[in-house]
């Protein structure tokens, strides 16, 4: 289609850009910008990390303002402490890291050799019970009478402590 035989009137693109729609879009853009700028206006008032940003309703506002305006002493290079002598060298740190990584690899290899699941636990329990000697596997006999006689003897030997003076 050439310019000579182009149909007259509004095309689809032109219909989307009608003056009424463009006015509405401009109004939305201006409103959005105004709301954003209003937020910026109160941002400095509520940002207490900025210099001088002190909440005046705070009980310590005057002390904070005084501390901000007070000039402190500046450190000198002579005040820098010497390097400590009891620090591990870098090679020792490297060796420890390699040992830890080797232990991790061993643990992962052990896990791969013996995978575990949450199913089949009854077979595991039966194997564990089979390893217990029969004398230890028997349930304990009822020793209530023995326990009661021991408790009665202990109560008989117990004496009240003398009163404190």
Protein backbone atom coordinates (compact mmCIF):
# COMPACT_ATOMS: atom_id res chain seq x y z
CA UNK A 1 0.00 0.00 0.00
CA UNK A 2 1.43 3.35 -0.97
CA UNK A 3 0.72 6.78 0.38
CA UNK A 4 -1.38 7.59 -2.64
CA UNK A 5 -3.97 4.86 -1.96
CA UNK A 6 -3.96 5.02 1.86
CA UNK A 7 -7.52 5.08 3.22
CA UNK A 8 -8.63 8.31 4.79
CA UNK A 9 -9.81 8.51 8.42
CA UNK A 10 -8.50 7.11 11.68
CA UNK A 11 -6.48 3.95 11.74
CA UNK A 12 -6.37 1.58 14.72
CA UNK A 13 -3.19 3.23 16.07
CA UNK A 14 -4.69 6.69 15.66
CA UNK A 15 -7.89 5.61 17.47
CA UNK A 16 -5.83 4.52 20.48
CA UNK A 17 -4.25 7.97 20.57
CA UNK A 18 -7.42 9.97 20.61
CA UNK A 19 -7.28 13.36 22.35
CA UNK A 20 -9.58 12.18 25.18
CA UNK A 21 -7.37 9.18 25.94
CA UNK A 22 -4.24 11.29 25.79
CA UNK A 23 -5.73 13.82 28.25
CA UNK A 24 -6.61 10.99 30.63
CA UNK A 25 -3.08 9.55 30.36
CA UNK A 26 -1.55 12.97 31.02
CA UNK A 27 -3.76 13.42 34.08
CA UNK A 28 -2.71 10.03 35.44
CA UNK A 29 0.97 10.81 34.82
CA UNK A 30 0.75 14.22 36.52
CA UNK A 31 -1.11 12.74 39.51
CA UNK A 32 1.45 9.96 39.87
CA UNK A 33 4.33 12.44 39.73
CA UNK A 34 2.65 14.69 42.30
CA UNK A 35 2.08 11.80 44.70
CA UNK A 36 5.69 10.64 44.27
CA UNK A 37 7.02 14.15 44.96
CA UNK A 38 4.85 14.47 48.07
CA UNK A 39 6.42 11.28 49.35
CA UNK A 40 9.88 12.74 48.75
CA UNK A 41 8.93 15.84 50.71
CA UNK A 42 8.26 13.84 53.90
CA UNK A 43 11.15 11.43 53.33
CA UNK A 44 13.75 13.82 54.70
CA UNK A 45 11.60 14.58 57.73
CA UNK A 46 11.21 10.92 58.68
CA UNK A 47 14.69 9.67 57.82
CA UNK A 48 16.57 9.72 61.13
CA UNK A 49 19.76 8.45 59.50
CA UNK A 50 20.36 11.77 57.79
CA UNK A 51 22.48 14.32 59.69
CA UNK A 52 20.27 16.35 61.99
CA UNK A 53 17.43 13.87 61.62
CA UNK A 54 16.27 13.77 65.22
CA UNK A 55 12.75 13.00 66.29
CA UNK A 56 11.83 16.13 68.24
CA UNK A 57 9.16 14.22 70.15
CA UNK A 58 11.79 11.91 71.65
CA UNK A 59 12.77 12.26 75.29
CA UNK A 60 16.45 12.34 74.36
CA UNK A 61 16.20 14.68 71.35
CA UNK A 62 18.22 17.48 73.01
CA UNK A 63 20.97 15.07 74.08
CA UNK A 64 21.17 13.55 70.59
CA UNK A 65 21.39 16.99 68.98
CA UNK A 66 24.15 18.01 71.41
CA UNK A 67 26.07 14.81 70.73
CA UNK A 68 25.78 15.35 66.95
CA UNK A 69 27.12 18.88 67.08
CA UNK A 70 29.96 18.13 69.52
CA UNK A 71 33.32 17.63 67.85
CA UNK A 72 35.19 14.62 69.14
CA UNK A 73 38.90 13.90 69.14
CA UNK A 74 40.27 12.49 65.91
CA UNK A 75 42.53 9.44 66.18
CA UNK A 76 46.11 9.54 65.00
CA UNK A 77 48.14 6.89 63.24
CA UNK A 78 50.20 6.47 66.41
CA UNK A 79 47.09 5.15 68.18
CA UNK A 80 46.74 2.18 65.86
CA UNK A 81 47.61 -0.92 67.89
CA UNK A 82 50.37 -3.24 66.70
CA UNK A 83 49.51 -6.42 64.88
CA UNK A 84 48.81 -9.31 67.25
CA UNK A 85 51.44 -12.03 67.35
CA UNK A 86 49.24 -14.95 68.38
CA UNK A 87 47.19 -15.12 65.17
CA UNK A 88 47.27 -18.24 63.04
CA UNK A 89 49.11 -17.80 59.76
CA UNK A 90 47.21 -18.04 56.52
CA UNK A 91 48.70 -21.47 55.75
CA UNK A 92 47.23 -22.86 59.00
CA UNK A 93 43.80 -21.52 58.08
CA UNK A 94 44.16 -23.08 54.62
CA UNK A 95 45.11 -26.44 56.15
CA UNK A 96 42.12 -26.33 58.51
CA UNK A 97 39.78 -25.54 55.61
CA UNK A 98 41.18 -28.46 53.61
CA UNK A 99 40.78 -30.79 56.61
CA UNK A 100 37.18 -29.68 57.05
CA UNK A 101 36.42 -30.18 53.37
CA UNK A 102 38.05 -33.64 53.49
CA UNK A 103 35.86 -34.56 56.48
CA UNK A 104 32.83 -33.35 54.52
CA UNK A 105 33.80 -35.49 51.53
CA UNK A 106 34.26 -38.54 53.81
CA UNK A 107 30.85 -37.97 55.38
CA UNK A 108 29.18 -37.66 51.98
CA UNK A 109 30.94 -40.80 50.75
CA UNK A 110 29.77 -42.66 53.86
CA UNK A 111 26.22 -41.53 53.19
CA UNK A 112 26.42 -42.77 49.61
CA UNK A 113 27.71 -46.18 50.75
CA UNK A 114 24.92 -46.62 53.28
CA UNK A 115 21.79 -44.88 52.10
CA UNK A 116 19.01 -44.65 54.65
CA UNK A 117 15.28 -44.51 54.27
CA UNK A 118 12.33 -44.11 56.54
CA UNK A 119 10.77 -47.36 55.35
CA UNK A 120 11.68 -50.95 56.25
CA UNK A 121 12.33 -50.08 59.87
CA UNK A 122 10.82 -53.31 61.19
CA UNK A 123 13.54 -55.39 59.53
CA UNK A 124 16.18 -53.11 61.05
CA UNK A 125 14.57 -53.50 64.48
CA UNK A 126 14.48 -57.30 64.16
CA UNK A 127 18.19 -57.36 63.25
CA UNK A 128 18.99 -55.19 66.27
CA UNK A 129 16.88 -57.40 68.59
CA UNK A 130 18.66 -60.51 67.28
CA UNK A 131 22.02 -59.06 68.37
CA UNK A 132 20.89 -58.69 72.02
CA UNK A 133 21.88 -61.63 74.26
CA UNK A 134 18.81 -63.60 75.47
CA UNK A 135 19.56 -62.93 79.15
CA UNK A 136 19.43 -59.18 78.52
CA UNK A 137 16.49 -59.37 76.15
CA UNK A 138 14.07 -60.83 78.71
CA UNK A 139 11.74 -58.27 80.24
CA UNK A 140 12.48 -57.48 83.88
CA UNK A 141 10.57 -59.33 86.52
CA UNK A 142 8.13 -57.47 88.70
CA UNK A 143 10.17 -56.12 91.59
CA UNK A 144 7.51 -54.00 93.20
CA UNK A 145 7.76 -55.93 96.49
CA UNK A 146 11.56 -55.50 96.54
CA UNK A 147 11.26 -51.78 95.86
CA UNK A 148 8.65 -51.37 98.60
CA UNK A 149 10.81 -53.21 101.16
CA UNK A 150 13.82 -51.04 100.23
CA UNK A 151 11.73 -47.87 100.61
CA UNK A 152 10.37 -49.01 104.00
CA UNK A 153 13.92 -49.70 105.23
CA UNK A 154 15.10 -46.28 104.02
CA UNK A 155 12.19 -44.58 105.77
CA UNK A 156 13.05 -46.47 108.97
CA UNK A 157 16.68 -45.28 108.86
CA UNK A 158 15.73 -41.70 108.08
CA UNK A 159 15.90 -39.29 110.96
CA UNK A 160 14.60 -35.77 111.20
CA UNK A 161 17.48 -33.25 111.10
CA UNK A 162 18.08 -31.25 114.26
CA UNK A 163 16.41 -27.81 114.37
CA UNK A 164 18.47 -24.85 113.29
CA UNK A 165 19.54 -22.47 116.07
